[in-house]
Amino acid sequence: MTTGPFNPMDMKSLLCFAMMAKHGSLTRAGIELGISDSAVSQRVRSLERHLGTKLYEARGGKVRLTEAGRRTMALAFRIFDQVAELEEDIRDHEFCGTITLGAAAPVIRHQLTDILGEFRENFPNAALRLLSQPTIRTQSQVRRNDIDIGIIPLQPNLPPDLVFHPWRTFRAFVLVPKNHPLAMRRAPTIEDILSKDTLTPFPQVVTTLEDGESDRVREGLKQLGLPFNVALEVGDLDNVKHYAANGHGLAAVNGVCLASEDAKMFHLIEIPDELGGTVTYGVLLHKEKYQSQALRRLLELLGVLSDKQHSKAGETRFTGRGYRT
């Protein structure tokens, strides 16, 4: 029979023949495969028609292979061994490979340590690549499938091919060093901070002006008619903390970058909700992203359910002694 790319060998028929040849019996082949011996016989006859030759003879209830049958049996066992190797290799790859995650430095430093520790216990053969970078770059790379996953603040007007899964919502605070002139007599309040008399002589340390964090500070002050008086631009929120602690200015940050020891160094003055006092971070994925076993487990650890398009965001509050969700 003429064969070609549109008339491939039926693998089920080949498997039925291999089991029959292995056991020397149609009945025992059917028992192993969970089908009737007549079904096995039909499949083997179909294979014989496809190959255009007789593969076996039945003598006294036993199967005797022809020369073509013996060659087909040897080839069949090699094929199914290779298929088993392929399946094992693919399964192993599902639990290894490299997952690349993009996020701002404070997210990677302060929010992922425990989660990634548990992930490493589950998938010791998987590699993690963490890229510390601005939000706009993470969004662009997720969209191009250059990275697997991003963690970013909620953005307006995300492209339709991206999915944002809310993850954690953080309170925002003004950081006033405890040795700052504003704190000499008592702990300052938000009313003390939000005045021209304070913001004019005491400038601010902010992230780079192209960053979304700076935009939130600027817009909040603009609503109140207060000056956006910048003393120093630095790369990220951890650097904002560092330079504010060393006397370079006041700082407004969200809790994604705060740790328990910060309460010893700063007065943490909560920013009201009406002035942008919360920031929601989420997990960003491409809508068509393939999720390996390892990536699905990481999403589960992040609280993103793989069978839903969203999950409920929990609010993470900094209390001065630590976080609670």
C-alpha atoms as a PDB file:
ATOM      1  CA  MET A   1       0.000   0.000   0.000  1.00  0.00           C
ATOM      2  CA  THR A   2       1.331   3.443  -0.898  1.00  0.00           C
ATOM      3  CA  THR A   3       2.034   5.599   2.152  1.00  0.00           C
ATOM      4  CA  GLY A   4       2.883   9.263   2.505  1.00  0.00           C
ATOM      5  CA  PRO A   5       2.687  12.243   4.860  1.00  0.00           C
ATOM      6  CA  PHE A   6      -1.114  12.236   4.650  1.00  0.00           C
ATOM      7  CA  ASN A   7      -1.419   8.509   5.277  1.00  0.00           C
ATOM      8  CA  PRO A   8       0.705   7.915   8.407  1.00  0.00           C
ATOM      9  CA  MET A   9       0.923   4.660  10.300  1.00  0.00           C
ATOM     10  CA  ASP A  10      -1.754   4.305  12.983  1.00  0.00           C
ATOM     11  CA  MET A  11       0.114   4.219  16.306  1.00  0.00           C
ATOM     12  CA  LYS A  12      -2.776   2.470  18.058  1.00  0.00           C
ATOM     13  CA  SER A  13      -2.570  -0.343  15.535  1.00  0.00           C
ATOM     14  CA  LEU A  14       1.195  -0.549  16.011  1.00  0.00           C
ATOM     15  CA  LEU A  15       0.732  -0.692  19.809  1.00  0.00           C
ATOM     16  CA  CYS A  16      -1.847  -3.503  19.487  1.00  0.00           C
ATOM     17  CA  PHE A  17       0.572  -5.462  17.325  1.00  0.00           C
ATOM     18  CA  ALA A  18       3.470  -4.860  19.741  1.00  0.00           C
ATOM     19  CA  MET A  19       1.405  -6.146  22.701  1.00  0.00           C
ATOM     20  CA  MET A  20       0.230  -9.153  20.746  1.00  0.00           C
ATOM     21  CA  ALA A  21       3.824  -9.941  19.733  1.00  0.00           C
ATOM     22  CA  LYS A  22       5.042  -9.430  23.294  1.00  0.00           C
ATOM     23  CA  HIS A  23       2.488 -11.824  24.824  1.00  0.00           C
ATOM     24  CA  GLY A  24       2.068 -14.191  21.831  1.00  0.00           C
ATOM     25  CA  SER A  25      -1.685 -13.886  22.285  1.00  0.00           C
ATOM     26  CA  LEU A  26      -4.494 -11.635  21.081  1.00  0.00           C
ATOM     27  CA  THR A  27      -6.401 -12.242  24.310  1.00  0.00           C
ATOM     28  CA  ARG A  28      -3.533 -11.293  26.645  1.00  0.00           C
ATOM     29  CA  ALA A  29      -2.787  -8.222  24.503  1.00  0.00           C
ATOM     30  CA  GLY A  30      -6.420  -7.163  24.853  1.00  0.00           C
ATOM     31  CA  ILE A  31      -6.295  -7.631  28.647  1.00  0.00           C
ATOM     32  CA  GLU A  32      -3.201  -5.406  28.969  1.00  0.00           C
ATOM     33  CA  LEU A  33      -4.665  -2.730  26.700  1.00  0.00           C
ATOM     34  CA  GLY A  34      -8.147  -2.915  28.234  1.00  0.00           C
ATOM     35  CA  ILE A  35      -9.887  -3.771  24.961  1.00  0.00           C
ATOM     36  CA  SER A  36     -11.380  -6.967  23.445  1.00  0.00           C
ATOM     37  CA  ASP A  37      -9.229  -9.468  21.565  1.00  0.00           C
ATOM     38  CA  SER A  38     -11.389  -8.834  18.480  1.00  0.00           C
ATOM     39  CA  ALA A  39     -10.515  -5.144  18.672  1.00  0.00           C
ATOM     40  CA  VAL A  40      -6.823  -6.077  18.868  1.00  0.00           C
ATOM     41  CA  SER A  41      -7.248  -8.323  15.851  1.00  0.00           C
ATOM     42  CA  GLN A  42      -8.945  -5.564  13.851  1.00  0.00           C
ATOM     43  CA  ARG A  43      -6.159  -3.118  14.634  1.00  0.00           C
ATOM     44  CA  VAL A  44      -3.457  -5.597  13.646  1.00  0.00           C
ATOM     45  CA  ARG A  45      -5.241  -6.348  10.357  1.00  0.00           C
ATOM     46  CA  SER A  46      -5.406  -2.613   9.697  1.00  0.00           C
ATOM     47  CA  LEU A  47      -1.619  -2.393  10.252  1.00  0.00           C
ATOM     48  CA  GLU A  48      -1.062  -5.303   7.858  1.00  0.00           C
ATOM     49  CA  ARG A  49      -3.116  -3.519   5.185  1.00  0.00           C
ATOM     50  CA  HIS A  50      -1.118  -0.355   5.750  1.00  0.00           C
ATOM     51  CA  LEU A  51       2.230  -2.204   5.396  1.00  0.00           C
ATOM     52  CA  GLY A  52       0.986  -4.452   2.614  1.00  0.00           C
ATOM     53  CA  THR A  53       2.235  -7.679   4.194  1.00  0.00           C
ATOM     54  CA  LYS A  54       1.304 -10.443   6.637  1.00  0.00           C
ATOM     55  CA  LEU A  55       2.768  -9.926  10.127  1.00  0.00           C
ATOM     56  CA  TYR A  56       1.667 -13.099  11.961  1.00  0.00           C
ATOM     57  CA  GLU A  57      -0.036 -16.474  11.719  1.00  0.00           C
ATOM     58  CA  ALA A  58      -2.263 -18.063  14.352  1.00  0.00           C
ATOM     59  CA  ARG A  59      -1.412 -21.680  15.109  1.00  0.00           C
ATOM     60  CA  GLY A  60      -3.071 -23.661  17.848  1.00  0.00           C
ATOM     61  CA  GLY A  61      -4.242 -20.525  19.640  1.00  0.00           C
ATOM     62  CA  LYS A  62      -0.756 -19.057  19.611  1.00  0.00           C
ATOM     63  CA  VAL A  63       0.727 -16.270  17.524  1.00  0.00           C
ATOM     64  CA  ARG A  64       3.674 -16.941  15.257  1.00  0.00           C
ATOM     65  CA  LEU A  65       5.334 -13.878  13.712  1.00  0.00           C
ATOM     66  CA  THR A  66       6.421 -13.780  10.110  1.00  0.00           C
ATOM     67  CA  GLU A  67       9.816 -12.324   9.188  1.00  0.00           C
ATOM     68  CA  ALA A  68       8.113  -8.988   8.490  1.00  0.00           C
ATOM     69  CA  GLY A  69       6.351  -9.329  11.845  1.00  0.00           C
ATOM     70  CA  ARG A  70       9.632  -9.827  13.706  1.00  0.00           C
ATOM     71  CA  ARG A  71      11.149  -6.777  12.063  1.00  0.00           C
ATOM     72  CA  THR A  72       8.013  -4.742  12.796  1.00  0.00           C
ATOM     73  CA  MET A  73       8.050  -5.882  16.438  1.00  0.00           C
ATOM     74  CA  ALA A  74      11.674  -4.777  16.913  1.00  0.00           C
ATOM     75  CA  LEU A  75      10.932  -1.419  15.322  1.00  0.00           C
ATOM     76  CA  ALA A  76       7.742  -0.982  17.367  1.00  0.00           C
ATOM     77  CA  PHE A  77       9.577  -1.538  20.663  1.00  0.00           C
ATOM     78  CA  ARG A  78      12.216   1.040  19.663  1.00  0.00           C
ATOM     79  CA  ILE A  79       9.513   3.534  18.690  1.00  0.00           C
ATOM     80  CA  PHE A  80       7.602   3.156  21.964  1.00  0.00           C
ATOM     81  CA  ASP A  81      10.806   3.372  24.000  1.00  0.00           C
ATOM     82  CA  GLN A  82      11.590   6.647  22.223  1.00  0.00           C
ATOM     83  CA  VAL A  83       8.049   7.914  22.794  1.00  0.00           C
ATOM     84  CA  ALA A  84       8.401   7.116  26.512  1.00  0.00           C
ATOM     85  CA  GLU A  85      11.730   8.982  26.610  1.00  0.00           C
ATOM     86  CA  LEU A  86      10.125  11.960  24.860  1.00  0.00           C
ATOM     87  CA  GLU A  87       7.214  12.034  27.319  1.00  0.00           C
ATOM     88  CA  GLU A  88       9.583  11.804  30.302  1.00  0.00           C
ATOM     89  CA  ASP A  89      11.789  14.563  28.893  1.00  0.00           C
ATOM     90  CA  ILE A  90       8.799  16.847  28.322  1.00  0.00           C
ATOM     91  CA  ARG A  91       7.477  16.175  31.834  1.00  0.00           C
ATOM     92  CA  ASP A  92      10.897  16.890  33.329  1.00  0.00           C
ATOM     93  CA  HIS A  93      11.120  20.139  31.372  1.00  0.00           C
ATOM     94  CA  GLU A  94       7.780  21.222  32.855  1.00  0.00           C
ATOM     95  CA  PHE A  95       9.467  21.167  36.264  1.00  0.00           C
ATOM     96  CA  CYS A  96      12.756  22.773  35.269  1.00  0.00           C
ATOM     97  CA  GLY A  97      13.770  25.415  32.727  1.00  0.00           C
ATOM     98  CA  THR A  98      14.127  29.108  33.575  1.00  0.00           C
ATOM     99  CA  ILE A  99      11.420  31.509  34.716  1.00  0.00           C
ATOM    100  CA  THR A 100      12.231  35.197  34.230  1.00  0.00           C
ATOM    101  CA  LEU A 101      10.442  37.739  36.439  1.00  0.00           C
ATOM    102  CA  GLY A 102      10.665  41.505  36.096  1.00  0.00           C
ATOM    103  CA  ALA A 103       9.846  43.932  38.919  1.00  0.00           C
ATOM    104  CA  ALA A 104      11.094  47.029  40.676  1.00  0.00           C
ATOM    105  CA  ALA A 105      13.991  46.466  43.061  1.00  0.00           C
ATOM    106  CA  PRO A 106      11.932  46.881  46.293  1.00  0.00           C
ATOM    107  CA  VAL A 107       9.489  44.164  45.181  1.00  0.00           C
ATOM    108  CA  ILE A 108      12.333  41.730  44.558  1.00  0.00           C
ATOM    109  CA  ARG A 109      14.165  42.655  47.751  1.00  0.00           C
ATOM    110  CA  HIS A 110      11.310  42.903  50.255  1.00  0.00           C
ATOM    111  CA  GLN A 111       8.318  40.945  48.952  1.00  0.00           C
ATOM    112  CA  LEU A 112       9.496  37.774  47.230  1.00  0.00           C
ATOM    113  CA  THR A 113      12.055  36.132  49.524  1.00  0.00           C
ATOM    114  CA  ASP A 114       9.714  33.681  51.263  1.00  0.00           C
ATOM    115  CA  ILE A 115       7.672  32.970  48.134  1.00  0.00           C
ATOM    116  CA  LEU A 116      10.733  32.171  46.047  1.00  0.00           C
ATOM    117  CA  GLY A 117      12.181  30.078  48.872  1.00  0.00           C
ATOM    118  CA  GLU A 118       9.096  27.856  48.839  1.00  0.00           C
ATOM    119  CA  PHE A 119       9.187  27.720  45.039  1.00  0.00           C
ATOM    120  CA  ARG A 120      12.812  26.533  45.118  1.00  0.00           C
ATOM    121  CA  GLU A 121      11.830  23.746  47.527  1.00  0.00           C
ATOM    122  CA  ASN A 122       9.092  22.619  45.105  1.00  0.00           C
ATOM    123  CA  PHE A 123      11.188  22.928  41.945  1.00  0.00           C
ATOM    124  CA  PRO A 124      14.876  22.524  42.819  1.00  0.00           C
ATOM    125  CA  ASN A 125      15.777  22.000  39.153  1.00  0.00           C
ATOM    126  CA  ALA A 126      14.098  25.196  37.954  1.00  0.00           C
ATOM    127  CA  ALA A 127      16.133  28.373  37.543  1.00  0.00           C
ATOM    128  CA  LEU A 128      14.806  31.808  38.482  1.00  0.00           C
ATOM    129  CA  ARG A 129      15.993  35.003  36.823  1.00  0.00           C
ATOM    130  CA  LEU A 130      14.934  38.205  38.608  1.00  0.00           C
ATOM    131  CA  LEU A 131      15.276  41.457  36.664  1.00  0.00           C
ATOM    132  CA  SER A 132      15.264  44.678  38.689  1.00  0.00           C
ATOM    133  CA  GLN A 133      13.887  47.303  36.322  1.00  0.00           C
ATOM    134  CA  PRO A 134      11.325  50.095  35.837  1.00  0.00           C
ATOM    135  CA  THR A 135       7.653  49.294  35.440  1.00  0.00           C
ATOM    136  CA  ILE A 136       7.426  50.438  31.832  1.00  0.00           C
ATOM    137  CA  ARG A 137      10.237  48.101  30.808  1.00  0.00           C
ATOM    138  CA  THR A 138       8.642  45.144  32.598  1.00  0.00           C
ATOM    139  CA  GLN A 139       5.324  45.848  30.887  1.00  0.00           C
ATOM    140  CA  SER A 140       6.991  46.036  27.474  1.00  0.00           C
ATOM    141  CA  GLN A 141       8.952  42.808  27.981  1.00  0.00           C
ATOM    142  CA  VAL A 142       5.906  40.841  29.164  1.00  0.00           C
ATOM    143  CA  ARG A 143       4.026  42.046  26.115  1.00  0.00           C
ATOM    144  CA  ARG A 144       6.821  40.858  23.795  1.00  0.00           C
ATOM    145  CA  ASN A 145       7.142  37.554  25.718  1.00  0.00           C
ATOM    146  CA  ASP A 146      10.769  38.429  26.462  1.00  0.00           C
ATOM    147  CA  ILE A 147      10.077  37.623  30.127  1.00  0.00           C
ATOM    148  CA  ASP A 148       7.548  35.246  31.666  1.00  0.00           C
ATOM    149  CA  ILE A 149       5.964  37.368  34.366  1.00  0.00           C
ATOM    150  CA  GLY A 150       6.011  40.881  35.807  1.00  0.00           C
ATOM    151  CA  ILE A 151       5.005  42.407  39.119  1.00  0.00           C
ATOM    152  CA  ILE A 152       4.031  46.062  38.708  1.00  0.00           C
ATOM    153  CA  PRO A 153       1.744  48.714  40.209  1.00  0.00           C
ATOM    154  CA  LEU A 154      -1.707  48.950  38.647  1.00  0.00           C
ATOM    155  CA  GLN A 155      -1.446  50.937  35.416  1.00  0.00           C
ATOM    156  CA  PRO A 156      -4.175  52.808  33.533  1.00  0.00           C
ATOM    157  CA  ASN A 157      -5.070  51.612  30.052  1.00  0.00           C
ATOM    158  CA  LEU A 158      -3.082  48.384  29.898  1.00  0.00           C
ATOM    159  CA  PRO A 159      -2.901  46.887  26.375  1.00  0.00           C
ATOM    160  CA  PRO A 160      -5.632  44.287  25.739  1.00  0.00           C
ATOM    161  CA  ASP A 161      -3.123  41.452  25.287  1.00  0.00           C
ATOM    162  CA  LEU A 162      -1.937  41.802  28.897  1.00  0.00           C
ATOM    163  CA  VAL A 163      -3.708  40.520  32.025  1.00  0.00           C
ATOM    164  CA  PHE A 164      -3.194  42.176  35.426  1.00  0.00           C
ATOM    165  CA  HIS A 165      -3.911  39.962  38.452  1.00  0.00           C
ATOM    166  CA  PRO A 166      -4.190  42.073  41.657  1.00  0.00           C
ATOM    167  CA  TRP A 167      -1.703  40.793  44.225  1.00  0.00           C
ATOM    168  CA  ARG A 168      -1.059  43.097  47.195  1.00  0.00           C
ATOM    169  CA  THR A 169      -2.202  46.579  48.141  1.00  0.00           C
ATOM    170  CA  PHE A 170       0.225  48.700  50.151  1.00  0.00           C
ATOM    171  CA  ARG A 171      -0.359  51.774  52.291  1.00  0.00           C
ATOM    172  CA  ALA A 172       1.638  54.895  51.470  1.00  0.00           C
ATOM    173  CA  PHE A 173       3.617  56.893  54.036  1.00  0.00           C
ATOM    174  CA  VAL A 174       5.613  60.064  54.404  1.00  0.00           C
ATOM    175  CA  LEU A 175       9.002  59.220  55.910  1.00  0.00           C
ATOM    176  CA  VAL A 176      10.365  61.738  58.398  1.00  0.00           C
ATOM    177  CA  PRO A 177      13.710  60.811  59.988  1.00  0.00           C
ATOM    178  CA  LYS A 178      13.481  60.835  63.782  1.00  0.00           C
ATOM    179  CA  ASN A 179      16.324  63.357  63.967  1.00  0.00           C
ATOM    180  CA  HIS A 180      14.645  65.710  61.469  1.00  0.00           C
ATOM    181  CA  PRO A 181      13.886  69.301  62.644  1.00  0.00           C
ATOM    182  CA  LEU A 182      10.160  68.578  62.170  1.00  0.00           C
ATOM    183  CA  ALA A 183      10.390  65.786  64.741  1.00  0.00           C
ATOM    184  CA  MET A 184      12.364  67.473  67.486  1.00  0.00           C
ATOM    185  CA  ARG A 185       9.402  68.211  69.760  1.00  0.00           C
ATOM    186  CA  ARG A 186       6.894  65.540  68.779  1.00  0.00           C
ATOM    187  CA  ALA A 187       6.024  63.097  66.047  1.00  0.00           C
ATOM    188  CA  PRO A 188       4.733  65.142  63.101  1.00  0.00           C
ATOM    189  CA  THR A 189       1.266  64.580  61.640  1.00  0.00           C
ATOM    190  CA  ILE A 190       0.129  64.560  58.035  1.00  0.00           C
ATOM    191  CA  GLU A 191      -1.288  68.052  58.610  1.00  0.00           C
ATOM    192  CA  ASP A 192       2.180  69.232  59.688  1.00  0.00           C
ATOM    193  CA  ILE A 193       3.681  67.893  56.477  1.00  0.00           C
ATOM    194  CA  LEU A 194       1.048  69.035  53.986  1.00  0.00           C
ATOM    195  CA  SER A 195       1.651  72.771  54.188  1.00  0.00           C
ATOM    196  CA  LYS A 196       3.671  75.289  52.202  1.00  0.00           C
ATOM    197  CA  ASP A 197       5.500  76.264  55.381  1.00  0.00           C
ATOM    198  CA  THR A 198       6.855  72.697  55.586  1.00  0.00           C
ATOM    199  CA  LEU A 199       7.315  71.697  51.951  1.00  0.00           C
ATOM    200  CA  THR A 200       9.054  74.906  50.875  1.00  0.00           C
ATOM    201  CA  PRO A 201      11.999  74.760  53.319  1.00  0.00           C
ATOM    202  CA  PHE A 202      12.087  70.956  53.469  1.00  0.00           C
ATOM    203  CA  PRO A 203      12.320  69.516  49.942  1.00  0.00           C
ATOM    204  CA  GLN A 204      11.618  65.956  48.858  1.00  0.00           C
ATOM    205  CA  VAL A 205      13.605  62.921  47.765  1.00  0.00           C
ATOM    206  CA  VAL A 206      11.828  61.088  44.952  1.00  0.00           C
ATOM    207  CA  THR A 207      12.384  58.332  42.434  1.00  0.00           C
ATOM    208  CA  THR A 208      13.274  59.462  38.926  1.00  0.00           C
ATOM    209  CA  LEU A 209      10.647  61.864  37.611  1.00  0.00           C
ATOM    210  CA  GLU A 210       9.651  59.476  34.805  1.00  0.00           C
ATOM    211  CA  ASP A 211       8.671  56.860  37.395  1.00  0.00           C
ATOM    212  CA  GLY A 212       5.056  56.277  38.394  1.00  0.00           C
ATOM    213  CA  GLU A 213       5.817  56.737  42.102  1.00  0.00           C
ATOM    214  CA  SER A 214       6.944  60.329  41.511  1.00  0.00           C
ATOM    215  CA  ASP A 215       3.829  60.976  39.446  1.00  0.00           C
ATOM    216  CA  ARG A 216       1.637  59.906  42.359  1.00  0.00           C
ATOM    217  CA  VAL A 217       3.434  62.261  44.765  1.00  0.00           C
ATOM    218  CA  ARG A 218       3.284  65.150  42.302  1.00  0.00           C
ATOM    219  CA  GLU A 219      -0.428  64.658  41.556  1.00  0.00           C
ATOM    220  CA  GLY A 220      -1.319  64.368  45.254  1.00  0.00           C
ATOM    221  CA  LEU A 221       0.429  67.656  46.067  1.00  0.00           C
ATOM    222  CA  LYS A 222      -1.059  69.338  43.008  1.00  0.00           C
ATOM    223  CA  GLN A 223      -4.574  68.513  44.253  1.00  0.00           C
ATOM    224  CA  LEU A 224      -3.801  70.440  47.426  1.00  0.00           C
ATOM    225  CA  GLY A 225      -2.065  73.324  45.680  1.00  0.00           C
ATOM    226  CA  LEU A 226       1.226  72.432  47.364  1.00  0.00           C
ATOM    227  CA  PRO A 227       4.724  72.631  45.888  1.00  0.00           C
ATOM    228  CA  PHE A 228       6.471  69.604  44.435  1.00  0.00           C
ATOM    229  CA  ASN A 229       9.851  70.688  45.738  1.00  0.00           C
ATOM    230  CA  VAL A 230      12.416  68.099  44.676  1.00  0.00           C
ATOM    231  CA  ALA A 231      15.843  68.020  46.274  1.00  0.00           C
ATOM    232  CA  LEU A 232      17.086  64.733  44.868  1.00  0.00           C
ATOM    233  CA  GLU A 233      16.040  62.165  42.265  1.00  0.00           C
ATOM    234  CA  VAL A 234      17.235  58.599  42.815  1.00  0.00           C
ATOM    235  CA  GLY A 235      16.606  55.306  41.052  1.00  0.00           C
ATOM    236  CA  ASP A 236      14.107  53.456  43.234  1.00  0.00           C
ATOM    237  CA  LEU A 237      12.245  53.457  46.555  1.00  0.00           C
ATOM    238  CA  ASP A 238      15.052  51.756  48.487  1.00  0.00           C
ATOM    239  CA  ASN A 239      17.381  54.582  47.483  1.00  0.00           C
ATOM    240  CA  VAL A 240      14.698  57.115  48.397  1.00  0.00           C
ATOM    241  CA  LYS A 241      14.665  55.629  51.910  1.00  0.00           C
ATOM    242  CA  HIS A 242      18.449  55.657  52.115  1.00  0.00           C
ATOM    243  CA  TYR A 243      18.840  59.319  51.195  1.00  0.00           C
ATOM    244  CA  ALA A 244      15.882  60.454  53.291  1.00  0.00           C
ATOM    245  CA  ALA A 245      17.451  58.693  56.293  1.00  0.00           C
ATOM    246  CA  ASN A 246      20.679  60.581  55.641  1.00  0.00           C
ATOM    247  CA  GLY A 247      19.055  64.013  55.749  1.00  0.00           C
ATOM    248  CA  HIS A 248      18.561  64.780  52.053  1.00  0.00           C
ATOM    249  CA  GLY A 249      14.838  65.470  52.332  1.00  0.00           C
ATOM    250  CA  LEU A 250      11.379  64.154  53.133  1.00  0.00           C
ATOM    251  CA  ALA A 251      10.060  61.161  51.209  1.00  0.00           C
ATOM    252  CA  ALA A 252       6.707  59.653  50.270  1.00  0.00           C
ATOM    253  CA  VAL A 253       6.823  55.910  49.624  1.00  0.00           C
ATOM    254  CA  ASN A 254       4.446  52.986  49.504  1.00  0.00           C
ATOM    255  CA  GLY A 255       4.837  50.034  51.843  1.00  0.00           C
ATOM    256  CA  VAL A 256       6.308  47.740  49.182  1.00  0.00           C
ATOM    257  CA  CYS A 257       9.761  48.975  50.243  1.00  0.00           C
ATOM    258  CA  LEU A 258       9.282  49.066  54.027  1.00  0.00           C
ATOM    259  CA  ALA A 259      10.707  46.651  56.573  1.00  0.00           C
ATOM    260  CA  SER A 260      10.224  46.452  60.338  1.00  0.00           C
ATOM    261  CA  GLU A 261      13.556  48.176  61.042  1.00  0.00           C
ATOM    262  CA  ASP A 262      12.389  51.286  59.159  1.00  0.00           C
ATOM    263  CA  ALA A 263      10.065  52.146  62.048  1.00  0.00           C
ATOM    264  CA  LYS A 264      13.159  52.618  64.231  1.00  0.00           C
ATOM    265  CA  MET A 265      14.618  55.156  61.811  1.00  0.00           C
ATOM    266  CA  PHE A 266      11.571  57.100  60.624  1.00  0.00           C
ATOM    267  CA  HIS A 267       8.283  58.484  61.769  1.00  0.00           C
ATOM    268  CA  LEU A 268       5.895  56.728  59.358  1.00  0.00           C
ATOM    269  CA  ILE A 269       3.040  59.110  58.628  1.00  0.00           C
ATOM    270  CA  GLU A 270       0.152  57.453  56.819  1.00  0.00           C
ATOM    271  CA  ILE A 271      -1.081  59.224  53.687  1.00  0.00           C
ATOM    272  CA  PRO A 272      -4.907  59.428  53.444  1.00  0.00           C
ATOM    273  CA  ASP A 273      -6.722  57.454  50.775  1.00  0.00           C
ATOM    274  CA  GLU A 274      -7.991  60.598  49.077  1.00  0.00           C
ATOM    275  CA  LEU A 275      -4.390  61.602  48.398  1.00  0.00           C
ATOM    276  CA  GLY A 276      -3.421  58.300  46.834  1.00  0.00           C
ATOM    277  CA  GLY A 277      -2.729  56.528  50.100  1.00  0.00           C
ATOM    278  CA  THR A 278      -2.748  53.017  48.632  1.00  0.00           C
ATOM    279  CA  VAL A 279      -0.983  51.390  45.702  1.00  0.00           C
ATOM    280  CA  THR A 280      -2.043  48.002  44.301  1.00  0.00           C
ATOM    281  CA  TYR A 281       0.625  45.774  42.806  1.00  0.00           C
ATOM    282  CA  GLY A 282      -0.270  42.886  40.572  1.00  0.00           C
ATOM    283  CA  VAL A 283       1.089  40.015  38.543  1.00  0.00           C
ATOM    284  CA  LEU A 284       1.309  40.843  34.847  1.00  0.00           C
ATOM    285  CA  LEU A 285       1.043  38.097  32.218  1.00  0.00           C
ATOM    286  CA  HIS A 286       0.600  37.973  28.484  1.00  0.00           C
ATOM    287  CA  LYS A 287      -2.923  36.757  27.688  1.00  0.00           C
ATOM    288  CA  GLU A 288      -1.537  33.944  25.513  1.00  0.00           C
ATOM    289  CA  LYS A 289       1.305  32.981  27.880  1.00  0.00           C
ATOM    290  CA  TYR A 290       1.902  29.238  28.126  1.00  0.00           C
ATOM    291  CA  GLN A 291       2.044  28.209  31.775  1.00  0.00           C
ATOM    292  CA  SER A 292       4.416  25.352  32.524  1.00  0.00           C
ATOM    293  CA  GLN A 293       4.005  23.348  35.724  1.00  0.00           C
ATOM    294  CA  ALA A 294       6.738  25.449  37.326  1.00  0.00           C
ATOM    295  CA  LEU A 295       5.181  28.766  36.273  1.00  0.00           C
ATOM    296  CA  ARG A 296       1.725  27.651  37.443  1.00  0.00           C
ATOM    297  CA  ARG A 297       3.163  26.776  40.850  1.00  0.00           C
ATOM    298  CA  LEU A 298       4.836  30.177  41.113  1.00  0.00           C
ATOM    299  CA  LEU A 299       1.521  31.857  40.275  1.00  0.00           C
ATOM    300  CA  GLU A 300      -0.197  29.786  42.973  1.00  0.00           C
ATOM    301  CA  LEU A 301       2.423  30.861  45.523  1.00  0.00           C
ATOM    302  CA  LEU A 302       1.823  34.473  44.501  1.00  0.00           C
ATOM    303  CA  GLY A 303      -1.893  33.934  45.110  1.00  0.00           C
ATOM    304  CA  VAL A 304      -2.861  34.028  41.419  1.00  0.00           C
ATOM    305  CA  LEU A 305      -5.176  31.123  40.585  1.00  0.00           C
ATOM    306  CA  SER A 306      -4.327  29.598  37.228  1.00  0.00           C
ATOM    307  CA  ASP A 307      -7.952  28.693  36.481  1.00  0.00           C
ATOM    308  CA  LYS A 308      -9.254  32.254  36.941  1.00  0.00           C
ATOM    309  CA  GLN A 309      -8.518  35.558  35.261  1.00  0.00           C
ATOM    310  CA  HIS A 310      -8.239  37.405  38.548  1.00  0.00           C
ATOM    311  CA  SER A 311      -7.812  36.929  42.264  1.00  0.00           C
ATOM    312  CA  LYS A 312      -8.810  39.081  45.200  1.00  0.00           C
ATOM    313  CA  ALA A 313      -6.092  41.474  46.291  1.00  0.00           C
ATOM    314  CA  GLY A 314      -5.261  41.509  49.963  1.00  0.00           C
ATOM    315  CA  GLU A 315      -4.209  44.749  51.632  1.00  0.00           C
ATOM    316  CA  THR A 316      -0.773  44.584  53.187  1.00  0.00           C
ATOM    317  CA  ARG A 317      -0.389  47.075  56.007  1.00  0.00           C
ATOM    318  CA  PHE A 318       2.819  48.167  57.688  1.00  0.00           C
ATOM    319  CA  THR A 319       2.078  48.527  61.397  1.00  0.00           C
ATOM    320  CA  GLY A 320       5.430  49.792  62.666  1.00  0.00           C
ATOM    321  CA  ARG A 321       6.343  46.342  63.952  1.00  0.00           C
ATOM    322  CA  GLY A 322       5.914  44.487  60.699  1.00  0.00           C
ATOM    323  CA  TYR A 323       3.313  43.646  58.073  1.00  0.00           C
ATOM    324  CA  ARG A 324      -0.068  42.076  58.240  1.00  0.00           C
ATOM    325  CA  THR A 325      -2.330  41.160  55.329  1.00  0.00           C
END
